[in-house]
Amino acid sequence: MVPDVRTFRKQVYAVSGQYYVPVLKDESLVLTETRDILAYLEDRYGKDGSGPEAVKKFAPRSRREAGPPGEEDQYPSCRH
């Protein structure tokens, strides 16, 4: 999540040298074009996101089952 006002996107600028999104930083690689980001993600992690690198990288943060949103929800504004 980034601020709507571009000049407030200090972290985006620090990573990419520009205020526009999207930006993807993966280790030392920084991509700023949507097509490049999508192609990179597909190449690195597989079309369905279950490539060996994706599994290894995201397994610790994955949830087994999505439950109903509750008060502990980290992003309450994203509830459906």
PDB file of N, CA and C in Angstrom:
ATOM      1  N   MET A   1       0.849  -1.166   0.000  1.00  0.00           N
ATOM      2  CA  MET A   1       0.000   0.000   0.000  1.00  0.00           C
ATOM      3  C   MET A   1       0.898   1.234   0.000  1.00  0.00           C
ATOM      4  N   VAL A   2       0.611   2.135  -0.900  1.00  0.00           N
ATOM      5  CA  VAL A   2       1.368   3.382  -0.974  1.00  0.00           C
ATOM      6  C   VAL A   2       0.402   4.559  -0.970  1.00  0.00           C
ATOM      7  N   PRO A   3       0.875   5.736  -0.532  1.00  0.00           N
ATOM      8  CA  PRO A   3       0.004   6.912  -0.542  1.00  0.00           C
ATOM      9  C   PRO A   3      -0.422   7.278  -1.963  1.00  0.00           C
ATOM     10  N   ASP A   4      -1.590   7.900  -2.074  1.00  0.00           N
ATOM     11  CA  ASP A   4      -2.075   8.366  -3.374  1.00  0.00           C
ATOM     12  C   ASP A   4      -1.191   9.478  -3.938  1.00  0.00           C
ATOM     13  N   VAL A   5      -0.719  10.349  -3.078  1.00  0.00           N
ATOM     14  CA  VAL A   5       0.113  11.474  -3.514  1.00  0.00           C
ATOM     15  C   VAL A   5       1.520  10.956  -3.786  1.00  0.00           C
ATOM     16  N   ARG A   6       1.956  11.096  -5.019  1.00  0.00           N
ATOM     17  CA  ARG A   6       3.232  10.505  -5.430  1.00  0.00           C
ATOM     18  C   ARG A   6       4.406  10.976  -4.579  1.00  0.00           C
ATOM     19  N   THR A   7       4.454  12.248  -4.261  1.00  0.00           N
ATOM     20  CA  THR A   7       5.610  12.762  -3.509  1.00  0.00           C
ATOM     21  C   THR A   7       5.685  12.208  -2.089  1.00  0.00           C
ATOM     22  N   PHE A   8       4.625  11.579  -1.612  1.00  0.00           N
ATOM     23  CA  PHE A   8       4.642  10.949  -0.294  1.00  0.00           C
ATOM     24  C   PHE A   8       5.144   9.508  -0.356  1.00  0.00           C
ATOM     25  N   ARG A   9       5.432   9.014  -1.533  1.00  0.00           N
ATOM     26  CA  ARG A   9       5.875   7.626  -1.716  1.00  0.00           C
ATOM     27  C   ARG A   9       7.387   7.529  -1.519  1.00  0.00           C
ATOM     28  N   LYS A  10       7.836   7.883  -0.351  1.00  0.00           N
ATOM     29  CA  LYS A  10       9.270   7.929  -0.054  1.00  0.00           C
ATOM     30  C   LYS A  10       9.932   6.560  -0.196  1.00  0.00           C
ATOM     31  N   GLN A  11       9.270   5.507   0.260  1.00  0.00           N
ATOM     32  CA  GLN A  11       9.857   4.173   0.181  1.00  0.00           C
ATOM     33  C   GLN A  11       9.959   3.710  -1.277  1.00  0.00           C
ATOM     34  N   VAL A  12       8.956   4.028  -2.093  1.00  0.00           N
ATOM     35  CA  VAL A  12       9.008   3.676  -3.515  1.00  0.00           C
ATOM     36  C   VAL A  12      10.202   4.366  -4.166  1.00  0.00           C
ATOM     37  N   TYR A  13      10.377   5.642  -3.865  1.00  0.00           N
ATOM     38  CA  TYR A  13      11.489   6.406  -4.434  1.00  0.00           C
ATOM     39  C   TYR A  13      12.830   5.839  -3.966  1.00  0.00           C
ATOM     40  N   ALA A  14      12.919   5.501  -2.694  1.00  0.00           N
ATOM     41  CA  ALA A  14      14.171   4.973  -2.150  1.00  0.00           C
ATOM     42  C   ALA A  14      14.577   3.671  -2.841  1.00  0.00           C
ATOM     43  N   VAL A  15      13.607   2.864  -3.213  1.00  0.00           N
ATOM     44  CA  VAL A  15      13.882   1.572  -3.844  1.00  0.00           C
ATOM     45  C   VAL A  15      14.162   1.713  -5.331  1.00  0.00           C
ATOM     46  N   SER A  16      13.390   2.580  -6.011  1.00  0.00           N
ATOM     47  CA  SER A  16      13.430   2.592  -7.474  1.00  0.00           C
ATOM     48  C   SER A  16      13.933   3.880  -8.116  1.00  0.00           C
ATOM     49  N   GLY A  17      14.072   4.952  -7.341  1.00  0.00           N
ATOM     50  CA  GLY A  17      14.499   6.212  -7.915  1.00  0.00           C
ATOM     51  C   GLY A  17      13.392   6.962  -8.644  1.00  0.00           C
ATOM     52  N   GLN A  18      12.154   6.515  -8.468  1.00  0.00           N
ATOM     53  CA  GLN A  18      10.999   7.191  -9.070  1.00  0.00           C
ATOM     54  C   GLN A  18       9.789   6.962  -8.163  1.00  0.00           C
ATOM     55  N   TYR A  19       8.738   7.756  -8.365  1.00  0.00           N
ATOM     56  CA  TYR A  19       7.574   7.707  -7.475  1.00  0.00           C
ATOM     57  C   TYR A  19       6.421   6.868  -8.006  1.00  0.00           C
ATOM     58  N   TYR A  20       6.565   6.309  -9.177  1.00  0.00           N
ATOM     59  CA  TYR A  20       5.454   5.588  -9.807  1.00  0.00           C
ATOM     60  C   TYR A  20       5.417   4.127  -9.373  1.00  0.00           C
ATOM     61  N   VAL A  21       4.241   3.549  -9.386  1.00  0.00           N
ATOM     62  CA  VAL A  21       4.049   2.135  -9.107  1.00  0.00           C
ATOM     63  C   VAL A  21       3.460   1.490 -10.353  1.00  0.00           C
ATOM     64  N   PRO A  22       3.659   0.232 -10.577  1.00  0.00           N
ATOM     65  CA  PRO A  22       4.200  -0.767  -9.655  1.00  0.00           C
ATOM     66  C   PRO A  22       5.723  -0.766  -9.642  1.00  0.00           C
ATOM     67  N   VAL A  23       6.252  -1.297  -8.549  1.00  0.00           N
ATOM     68  CA  VAL A  23       7.682  -1.539  -8.381  1.00  0.00           C
ATOM     69  C   VAL A  23       7.816  -2.908  -7.732  1.00  0.00           C
ATOM     70  N   LEU A  24       8.733  -3.691  -8.240  1.00  0.00           N
ATOM     71  CA  LEU A  24       9.035  -4.989  -7.634  1.00  0.00           C
ATOM     72  C   LEU A  24      10.507  -5.002  -7.281  1.00  0.00           C
ATOM     73  N   LYS A  25      10.809  -5.289  -6.027  1.00  0.00           N
ATOM     74  CA  LYS A  25      12.195  -5.464  -5.591  1.00  0.00           C
ATOM     75  C   LYS A  25      12.322  -6.885  -5.083  1.00  0.00           C
ATOM     76  N   ASP A  26      13.193  -7.641  -5.703  1.00  0.00           N
ATOM     77  CA  ASP A  26      13.449  -9.020  -5.296  1.00  0.00           C
ATOM     78  C   ASP A  26      14.953  -9.162  -5.167  1.00  0.00           C
ATOM     79  N   GLU A  27      15.422  -9.202  -3.935  1.00  0.00           N
ATOM     80  CA  GLU A  27      16.847  -9.183  -3.624  1.00  0.00           C
ATOM     81  C   GLU A  27      17.435  -7.908  -4.221  1.00  0.00           C
ATOM     82  N   SER A  28      18.402  -7.983  -5.119  1.00  0.00           N
ATOM     83  CA  SER A  28      19.012  -6.762  -5.662  1.00  0.00           C
ATOM     84  C   SER A  28      18.344  -6.287  -6.950  1.00  0.00           C
ATOM     85  N   LEU A  29      17.391  -7.033  -7.464  1.00  0.00           N
ATOM     86  CA  LEU A  29      16.704  -6.693  -8.707  1.00  0.00           C
ATOM     87  C   LEU A  29      15.532  -5.759  -8.429  1.00  0.00           C
ATOM     88  N   VAL A  30      15.424  -4.675  -9.201  1.00  0.00           N
ATOM     89  CA  VAL A  30      14.313  -3.740  -9.085  1.00  0.00           C
ATOM     90  C   VAL A  30      13.704  -3.565 -10.468  1.00  0.00           C
ATOM     91  N   LEU A  31      12.403  -3.880 -10.598  1.00  0.00           N
ATOM     92  CA  LEU A  31      11.686  -3.728 -11.860  1.00  0.00           C
ATOM     93  C   LEU A  31      10.564  -2.723 -11.676  1.00  0.00           C
ATOM     94  N   THR A  32      10.309  -1.896 -12.716  1.00  0.00           N
ATOM     95  CA  THR A  32       9.279  -0.866 -12.603  1.00  0.00           C
ATOM     96  C   THR A  32       8.232  -0.926 -13.706  1.00  0.00           C
ATOM     97  N   GLU A  33       8.374  -1.809 -14.655  1.00  0.00           N
ATOM     98  CA  GLU A  33       7.396  -1.937 -15.732  1.00  0.00           C
ATOM     99  C   GLU A  33       6.515  -3.153 -15.484  1.00  0.00           C
ATOM    100  N   THR A  34       5.203  -2.985 -15.620  1.00  0.00           N
ATOM    101  CA  THR A  34       4.262  -4.062 -15.333  1.00  0.00           C
ATOM    102  C   THR A  34       4.586  -5.327 -16.117  1.00  0.00           C
ATOM    103  N   ARG A  35       4.821  -5.205 -17.412  1.00  0.00           N
ATOM    104  CA  ARG A  35       5.112  -6.400 -18.233  1.00  0.00           C
ATOM    105  C   ARG A  35       6.383  -7.095 -17.769  1.00  0.00           C
ATOM    106  N   ASP A  36       7.401  -6.328 -17.432  1.00  0.00           N
ATOM    107  CA  ASP A  36       8.642  -6.913 -16.935  1.00  0.00           C
ATOM    108  C   ASP A  36       8.415  -7.633 -15.614  1.00  0.00           C
ATOM    109  N   ILE A  37       7.635  -7.024 -14.737  1.00  0.00           N
ATOM    110  CA  ILE A  37       7.340  -7.630 -13.432  1.00  0.00           C
ATOM    111  C   ILE A  37       6.603  -8.949 -13.619  1.00  0.00           C
ATOM    112  N   LEU A  38       5.563  -8.953 -14.450  1.00  0.00           N
ATOM    113  CA  LEU A  38       4.789 -10.171 -14.666  1.00  0.00           C
ATOM    114  C   LEU A  38       5.634 -11.274 -15.301  1.00  0.00           C
ATOM    115  N   ALA A  39       6.454 -10.912 -16.289  1.00  0.00           N
ATOM    116  CA  ALA A  39       7.319 -11.901 -16.936  1.00  0.00           C
ATOM    117  C   ALA A  39       8.335 -12.460 -15.943  1.00  0.00           C
ATOM    118  N   TYR A  40       8.906 -11.599 -15.132  1.00  0.00           N
ATOM    119  CA  TYR A  40       9.871 -12.045 -14.136  1.00  0.00           C
ATOM    120  C   TYR A  40       9.236 -13.005 -13.135  1.00  0.00           C
ATOM    121  N   LEU A  41       8.067 -12.643 -12.623  1.00  0.00           N
ATOM    122  CA  LEU A  41       7.387 -13.497 -11.650  1.00  0.00           C
ATOM    123  C   LEU A  41       7.049 -14.859 -12.243  1.00  0.00           C
ATOM    124  N   GLU A  42       6.597 -14.874 -13.493  1.00  0.00           N
ATOM    125  CA  GLU A  42       6.278 -16.147 -14.142  1.00  0.00           C
ATOM    126  C   GLU A  42       7.538 -16.978 -14.342  1.00  0.00           C
ATOM    127  N   ASP A  43       8.623 -16.352 -14.785  1.00  0.00           N
ATOM    128  CA  ASP A  43       9.874 -17.084 -14.990  1.00  0.00           C
ATOM    129  C   ASP A  43      10.434 -17.623 -13.685  1.00  0.00           C
ATOM    130  N   ARG A  44      10.385 -16.814 -12.647  1.00  0.00           N
ATOM    131  CA  ARG A  44      11.006 -17.208 -11.378  1.00  0.00           C
ATOM    132  C   ARG A  44      10.152 -18.180 -10.564  1.00  0.00           C
ATOM    133  N   TYR A  45       8.839 -17.959 -10.555  1.00  0.00           N
ATOM    134  CA  TYR A  45       7.994 -18.723  -9.657  1.00  0.00           C
ATOM    135  C   TYR A  45       7.005 -19.650 -10.351  1.00  0.00           C
ATOM    136  N   GLY A  46       6.926 -19.631 -11.662  1.00  0.00           N
ATOM    137  CA  GLY A  46       6.005 -20.506 -12.375  1.00  0.00           C
ATOM    138  C   GLY A  46       4.683 -19.821 -12.636  1.00  0.00           C
ATOM    139  N   LYS A  47       3.958 -20.335 -13.619  1.00  0.00           N
ATOM    140  CA  LYS A  47       2.692 -19.715 -14.023  1.00  0.00           C
ATOM    141  C   LYS A  47       1.648 -19.710 -12.915  1.00  0.00           C
ATOM    142  N   ASP A  48       1.647 -20.743 -12.083  1.00  0.00           N
ATOM    143  CA  ASP A  48       0.632 -20.816 -11.028  1.00  0.00           C
ATOM    144  C   ASP A  48       1.173 -20.357  -9.675  1.00  0.00           C
ATOM    145  N   GLY A  49       2.402 -19.837  -9.656  1.00  0.00           N
ATOM    146  CA  GLY A  49       2.974 -19.344  -8.406  1.00  0.00           C
ATOM    147  C   GLY A  49       3.465 -20.428  -7.483  1.00  0.00           C
ATOM    148  N   SER A  50       3.569 -21.649  -7.986  1.00  0.00           N
ATOM    149  CA  SER A  50       3.976 -22.740  -7.108  1.00  0.00           C
ATOM    150  C   SER A  50       5.328 -23.316  -7.490  1.00  0.00           C
ATOM    151  N   GLY A  51       6.131 -22.528  -8.210  1.00  0.00           N
ATOM    152  CA  GLY A  51       7.473 -22.985  -8.523  1.00  0.00           C
ATOM    153  C   GLY A  51       8.265 -23.203  -7.248  1.00  0.00           C
ATOM    154  N   PRO A  52       9.355 -23.935  -7.322  1.00  0.00           N
ATOM    155  CA  PRO A  52      10.114 -24.266  -6.106  1.00  0.00           C
ATOM    156  C   PRO A  52      10.599 -23.033  -5.352  1.00  0.00           C
ATOM    157  N   GLU A  53      10.974 -21.985  -6.065  1.00  0.00           N
ATOM    158  CA  GLU A  53      11.412 -20.771  -5.379  1.00  0.00           C
ATOM    159  C   GLU A  53      10.256 -20.104  -4.644  1.00  0.00           C
ATOM    160  N   ALA A  54       9.078 -20.086  -5.255  1.00  0.00           N
ATOM    161  CA  ALA A  54       7.916 -19.469  -4.611  1.00  0.00           C
ATOM    162  C   ALA A  54       7.522 -20.234  -3.363  1.00  0.00           C
ATOM    163  N   VAL A  55       7.507 -21.545  -3.460  1.00  0.00           N
ATOM    164  CA  VAL A  55       7.132 -22.350  -2.302  1.00  0.00           C
ATOM    165  C   VAL A  55       8.097 -22.093  -1.150  1.00  0.00           C
ATOM    166  N   LYS A  56       9.364 -22.109  -1.450  1.00  0.00           N
ATOM    167  CA  LYS A  56      10.373 -21.892  -0.417  1.00  0.00           C
ATOM    168  C   LYS A  56      10.254 -20.489   0.178  1.00  0.00           C
ATOM    169  N   LYS A  57      10.024 -19.508  -0.663  1.00  0.00           N
ATOM    170  CA  LYS A  57      10.007 -18.125  -0.193  1.00  0.00           C
ATOM    171  C   LYS A  57       8.738 -17.767   0.577  1.00  0.00           C
ATOM    172  N   PHE A  58       7.592 -18.272   0.118  1.00  0.00           N
ATOM    173  CA  PHE A  58       6.325 -17.842   0.696  1.00  0.00           C
ATOM    174  C   PHE A  58       5.720 -18.816   1.706  1.00  0.00           C
ATOM    175  N   ALA A  59       6.237 -20.013   1.809  1.00  0.00           N
ATOM    176  CA  ALA A  59       5.674 -21.012   2.722  1.00  0.00           C
ATOM    177  C   ALA A  59       5.568 -20.513   4.162  1.00  0.00           C
ATOM    178  N   PRO A  60       6.576 -19.853   4.710  1.00  0.00           N
ATOM    179  CA  PRO A  60       6.459 -19.400   6.100  1.00  0.00           C
ATOM    180  C   PRO A  60       5.336 -18.381   6.321  1.00  0.00           C
ATOM    181  N   ARG A  61       4.940 -17.664   5.273  1.00  0.00           N
ATOM    182  CA  ARG A  61       3.905 -16.642   5.423  1.00  0.00           C
ATOM    183  C   ARG A  61       2.539 -17.100   4.954  1.00  0.00           C
ATOM    184  N   SER A  62       2.452 -18.297   4.423  1.00  0.00           N
ATOM    185  CA  SER A  62       1.174 -18.740   3.869  1.00  0.00           C
ATOM    186  C   SER A  62       0.228 -19.172   4.976  1.00  0.00           C
ATOM    187  N   ARG A  63      -1.065 -19.090   4.675  1.00  0.00           N
ATOM    188  CA  ARG A  63      -2.099 -19.541   5.608  1.00  0.00           C
ATOM    189  C   ARG A  63      -2.676 -20.827   5.075  1.00  0.00           C
ATOM    190  N   ARG A  64      -3.009 -21.735   5.958  1.00  0.00           N
ATOM    191  CA  ARG A  64      -3.551 -23.020   5.512  1.00  0.00           C
ATOM    192  C   ARG A  64      -4.942 -22.870   4.935  1.00  0.00           C
ATOM    193  N   GLU A  65      -5.787 -22.158   5.632  1.00  0.00           N
ATOM    194  CA  GLU A  65      -7.153 -21.933   5.163  1.00  0.00           C
ATOM    195  C   GLU A  65      -7.552 -20.508   5.484  1.00  0.00           C
ATOM    196  N   ALA A  66      -8.242 -19.911   4.567  1.00  0.00           N
ATOM    197  CA  ALA A  66      -8.745 -18.571   4.829  1.00  0.00           C
ATOM    198  C   ALA A  66     -10.022 -18.682   5.639  1.00  0.00           C
ATOM    199  N   GLY A  67     -10.039 -18.038   6.774  1.00  0.00           N
ATOM    200  CA  GLY A  67     -11.229 -18.025   7.605  1.00  0.00           C
ATOM    201  C   GLY A  67     -12.001 -16.736   7.387  1.00  0.00           C
ATOM    202  N   PRO A  68     -13.113 -16.573   8.067  1.00  0.00           N
ATOM    203  CA  PRO A  68     -13.869 -15.334   7.940  1.00  0.00           C
ATOM    204  C   PRO A  68     -13.084 -14.181   8.556  1.00  0.00           C
ATOM    205  N   PRO A  69     -13.222 -12.975   8.000  1.00  0.00           N
ATOM    206  CA  PRO A  69     -12.498 -11.842   8.573  1.00  0.00           C
ATOM    207  C   PRO A  69     -12.954 -11.565   9.993  1.00  0.00           C
ATOM    208  N   GLY A  70     -12.011 -11.202  10.821  1.00  0.00           N
ATOM    209  CA  GLY A  70     -12.327 -10.906  12.217  1.00  0.00           C
ATOM    210  C   GLY A  70     -11.668  -9.619  12.646  1.00  0.00           C
ATOM    211  N   GLU A  71     -11.781  -9.314  13.906  1.00  0.00           N
ATOM    212  CA  GLU A  71     -11.205  -8.082  14.428  1.00  0.00           C
ATOM    213  C   GLU A  71      -9.684  -8.075  14.311  1.00  0.00           C
ATOM    214  N   GLU A  72      -9.056  -9.251  14.302  1.00  0.00           N
ATOM    215  CA  GLU A  72      -7.610  -9.326  14.212  1.00  0.00           C
ATOM    216  C   GLU A  72      -7.103  -9.172  12.781  1.00  0.00           C
ATOM    217  N   ASP A  73      -8.013  -8.972  11.843  1.00  0.00           N
ATOM    218  CA  ASP A  73      -7.665  -8.832  10.432  1.00  0.00           C
ATOM    219  C   ASP A  73      -6.697  -7.667  10.254  1.00  0.00           C
ATOM    220  N   GLN A  74      -5.541  -7.918   9.639  1.00  0.00           N
ATOM    221  CA  GLN A  74      -4.513  -6.909   9.469  1.00  0.00           C
ATOM    222  C   GLN A  74      -4.966  -5.798   8.518  1.00  0.00           C
ATOM    223  N   TYR A  75      -5.808  -6.128   7.529  1.00  0.00           N
ATOM    224  CA  TYR A  75      -6.251  -5.154   6.540  1.00  0.00           C
ATOM    225  C   TYR A  75      -7.774  -5.100   6.504  1.00  0.00           C
ATOM    226  N   PRO A  76      -8.413  -4.514   7.499  1.00  0.00           N
ATOM    227  CA  PRO A  76      -9.877  -4.521   7.543  1.00  0.00           C
ATOM    228  C   PRO A  76     -10.531  -3.803   6.372  1.00  0.00           C
ATOM    229  N   SER A  77      -9.816  -2.862   5.735  1.00  0.00           N
ATOM    230  CA  SER A  77     -10.422  -2.152   4.626  1.00  0.00           C
ATOM    231  C   SER A  77     -10.506  -3.016   3.366  1.00  0.00           C
ATOM    232  N   CYS A  78      -9.859  -4.175   3.381  1.00  0.00           N
ATOM    233  CA  CYS A  78      -9.853  -5.066   2.210  1.00  0.00           C
ATOM    234  C   CYS A  78     -10.899  -6.184   2.340  1.00  0.00           C
ATOM    235  N   ARG A  79     -11.697  -6.159   3.381  1.00  0.00           N
ATOM    236  CA  ARG A  79     -12.700  -7.207   3.558  1.00  0.00           C
ATOM    237  C   ARG A  79     -13.743  -7.144   2.465  1.00  0.00           C
ATOM    238  N   HIS A  80     -14.222  -8.306   2.084  1.00  0.00           N
ATOM    239  CA  HIS A  80     -15.261  -8.374   1.030  1.00  0.00           C
ATOM    240  C   HIS A  80     -16.628  -8.502   1.648  1.00  0.00           C
TER     241      HIS A  80
END
